[in-house]
């Protein structure tokens, strides 16, 4: 099942106003981008759950939209542990 703004809105217990729908859409877009960057090969159901966790964290942290706080959102929301099996590791030069 693909993640939608309606699913995120229900998970965050938001209403149906245009403003709340826009907020759910914004949070979903950020959360999906973070999950895709962190674990692109995770199954869809796991990615969706991780995105909901991140969206909830960002919704509860009004100042989380600043720089390094996005990385914190993956870790502190619990999504990092959920995605750990599929985490994309960076490749670097040794030497």
C-alpha atoms as a PDB file:
ATOM      1  CA  UNK A   1       0.000   0.000   0.000  1.00  0.00           C
ATOM      2  CA  UNK A   2       1.440   3.340  -1.003  1.00  0.00           C
ATOM      3  CA  UNK A   3       1.729   6.010   1.648  1.00  0.00           C
ATOM      4  CA  UNK A   4      -0.693   8.905   1.180  1.00  0.00           C
ATOM      5  CA  UNK A   5      -1.250  12.226   2.907  1.00  0.00           C
ATOM      6  CA  UNK A   6      -4.542  10.837   4.265  1.00  0.00           C
ATOM      7  CA  UNK A   7      -2.720   7.961   5.983  1.00  0.00           C
ATOM      8  CA  UNK A   8      -0.154  10.347   7.470  1.00  0.00           C
ATOM      9  CA  UNK A   9      -2.927  12.712   8.539  1.00  0.00           C
ATOM     10  CA  UNK A  10      -4.769   9.911  10.360  1.00  0.00           C
ATOM     11  CA  UNK A  11      -1.567   8.658  11.993  1.00  0.00           C
ATOM     12  CA  UNK A  12      -0.834  12.161  13.297  1.00  0.00           C
ATOM     13  CA  UNK A  13      -4.491  12.676  14.294  1.00  0.00           C
ATOM     14  CA  UNK A  14      -4.839  15.758  12.107  1.00  0.00           C
ATOM     15  CA  UNK A  15      -8.166  17.057  10.873  1.00  0.00           C
ATOM     16  CA  UNK A  16      -9.457  17.484   7.337  1.00  0.00           C
ATOM     17  CA  UNK A  17      -8.893  21.206   6.865  1.00  0.00           C
ATOM     18  CA  UNK A  18      -6.874  22.416   3.896  1.00  0.00           C
ATOM     19  CA  UNK A  19      -4.122  23.661   6.205  1.00  0.00           C
ATOM     20  CA  UNK A  20      -3.832  20.328   8.025  1.00  0.00           C
ATOM     21  CA  UNK A  21      -3.855  18.396   4.750  1.00  0.00           C
ATOM     22  CA  UNK A  22      -1.078  20.627   3.419  1.00  0.00           C
ATOM     23  CA  UNK A  23       0.923  20.028   6.609  1.00  0.00           C
ATOM     24  CA  UNK A  24       0.478  16.252   6.296  1.00  0.00           C
ATOM     25  CA  UNK A  25       1.551  16.395   2.644  1.00  0.00           C
ATOM     26  CA  UNK A  26       4.655  18.427   3.505  1.00  0.00           C
ATOM     27  CA  UNK A  27       5.639  16.117   6.351  1.00  0.00           C
ATOM     28  CA  UNK A  28       5.039  13.046   4.192  1.00  0.00           C
ATOM     29  CA  UNK A  29       7.252  14.405   1.401  1.00  0.00           C
ATOM     30  CA  UNK A  30      10.121  15.159   3.783  1.00  0.00           C
ATOM     31  CA  UNK A  31       9.780  11.820   5.570  1.00  0.00           C
ATOM     32  CA  UNK A  32       9.675   9.797   2.346  1.00  0.00           C
ATOM     33  CA  UNK A  33      12.771  11.615   1.062  1.00  0.00           C
ATOM     34  CA  UNK A  34      14.654  10.864   4.283  1.00  0.00           C
ATOM     35  CA  UNK A  35      13.638   7.202   4.228  1.00  0.00           C
ATOM     36  CA  UNK A  36      14.599   6.841   0.568  1.00  0.00           C
ATOM     37  CA  UNK A  37      18.001   8.371   1.263  1.00  0.00           C
ATOM     38  CA  UNK A  38      18.572   6.254   4.378  1.00  0.00           C
ATOM     39  CA  UNK A  39      17.367   2.853   3.110  1.00  0.00           C
ATOM     40  CA  UNK A  40      16.331   2.842  -0.557  1.00  0.00           C
ATOM     41  CA  UNK A  41      16.105  -0.967  -0.740  1.00  0.00           C
ATOM     42  CA  UNK A  42      13.759  -1.458   2.227  1.00  0.00           C
ATOM     43  CA  UNK A  43      10.393  -3.086   1.502  1.00  0.00           C
ATOM     44  CA  UNK A  44       7.545  -0.660   0.856  1.00  0.00           C
ATOM     45  CA  UNK A  45       5.666  -1.511   4.068  1.00  0.00           C
ATOM     46  CA  UNK A  46       8.790  -0.853   6.148  1.00  0.00           C
ATOM     47  CA  UNK A  47       9.490   2.407   4.287  1.00  0.00           C
ATOM     48  CA  UNK A  48       5.902   3.543   4.888  1.00  0.00           C
ATOM     49  CA  UNK A  49       6.079   2.796   8.629  1.00  0.00           C
ATOM     50  CA  UNK A  50       9.434   4.566   8.911  1.00  0.00           C
ATOM     51  CA  UNK A  51       8.059   7.590   7.038  1.00  0.00           C
ATOM     52  CA  UNK A  52       5.074   7.783   9.405  1.00  0.00           C
ATOM     53  CA  UNK A  53       7.432   7.678  12.397  1.00  0.00           C
ATOM     54  CA  UNK A  54       9.586  10.458  10.935  1.00  0.00           C
ATOM     55  CA  UNK A  55       6.538  12.564  10.037  1.00  0.00           C
ATOM     56  CA  UNK A  56       5.273  12.194  13.605  1.00  0.00           C
ATOM     57  CA  UNK A  57       8.627  13.228  15.024  1.00  0.00           C
ATOM     58  CA  UNK A  58       8.826  16.280  12.745  1.00  0.00           C
ATOM     59  CA  UNK A  59       5.236  17.235  13.578  1.00  0.00           C
ATOM     60  CA  UNK A  60       5.960  17.134  17.310  1.00  0.00           C
ATOM     61  CA  UNK A  61       9.239  19.049  16.936  1.00  0.00           C
ATOM     62  CA  UNK A  62       8.375  22.462  15.442  1.00  0.00           C
ATOM     63  CA  UNK A  63      12.043  23.495  15.192  1.00  0.00           C
ATOM     64  CA  UNK A  64      13.203  20.215  13.645  1.00  0.00           C
ATOM     65  CA  UNK A  65      13.244  21.643  10.135  1.00  0.00           C
ATOM     66  CA  UNK A  66      16.724  23.095  10.522  1.00  0.00           C
ATOM     67  CA  UNK A  67      19.802  21.415   9.007  1.00  0.00           C
ATOM     68  CA  UNK A  68      21.136  18.540  11.087  1.00  0.00           C
ATOM     69  CA  UNK A  69      17.749  18.054  12.737  1.00  0.00           C
ATOM     70  CA  UNK A  70      16.609  16.019   9.722  1.00  0.00           C
ATOM     71  CA  UNK A  71      19.273  13.404  10.468  1.00  0.00           C
ATOM     72  CA  UNK A  72      18.140  13.484  14.079  1.00  0.00           C
ATOM     73  CA  UNK A  73      14.574  12.822  12.914  1.00  0.00           C
ATOM     74  CA  UNK A  74      15.592   9.510  11.362  1.00  0.00           C
ATOM     75  CA  UNK A  75      17.413   8.449  14.510  1.00  0.00           C
ATOM     76  CA  UNK A  76      15.148   9.807  17.248  1.00  0.00           C
ATOM     77  CA  UNK A  77      11.875   8.759  15.605  1.00  0.00           C
ATOM     78  CA  UNK A  78      12.908   5.112  15.715  1.00  0.00           C
ATOM     79  CA  UNK A  79      12.997   4.872  11.927  1.00  0.00           C
ATOM     80  CA  UNK A  80      16.753   4.263  11.885  1.00  0.00           C
ATOM     81  CA  UNK A  81      16.385   1.074  13.913  1.00  0.00           C
ATOM     82  CA  UNK A  82      13.467  -0.036  11.765  1.00  0.00           C
ATOM     83  CA  UNK A  83      15.496   0.511   8.571  1.00  0.00           C
ATOM     84  CA  UNK A  84      18.831  -0.773   9.883  1.00  0.00           C
ATOM     85  CA  UNK A  85      18.688  -4.018   7.912  1.00  0.00           C
ATOM     86  CA  UNK A  86      18.440  -2.101   4.621  1.00  0.00           C
ATOM     87  CA  UNK A  87      20.601   0.920   5.454  1.00  0.00           C
ATOM     88  CA  UNK A  88      22.633   2.331   2.570  1.00  0.00           C
ATOM     89  CA  UNK A  89      26.239   2.659   3.701  1.00  0.00           C
ATOM     90  CA  UNK A  90      28.496   5.297   2.224  1.00  0.00           C
ATOM     91  CA  UNK A  91      31.511   4.227   0.223  1.00  0.00           C
ATOM     92  CA  UNK A  92      34.817   5.919   0.831  1.00  0.00           C
ATOM     93  CA  UNK A  93      38.407   5.646  -0.270  1.00  0.00           C
ATOM     94  CA  UNK A  94      40.739   3.861   2.120  1.00  0.00           C
ATOM     95  CA  UNK A  95      44.248   5.152   2.439  1.00  0.00           C
END
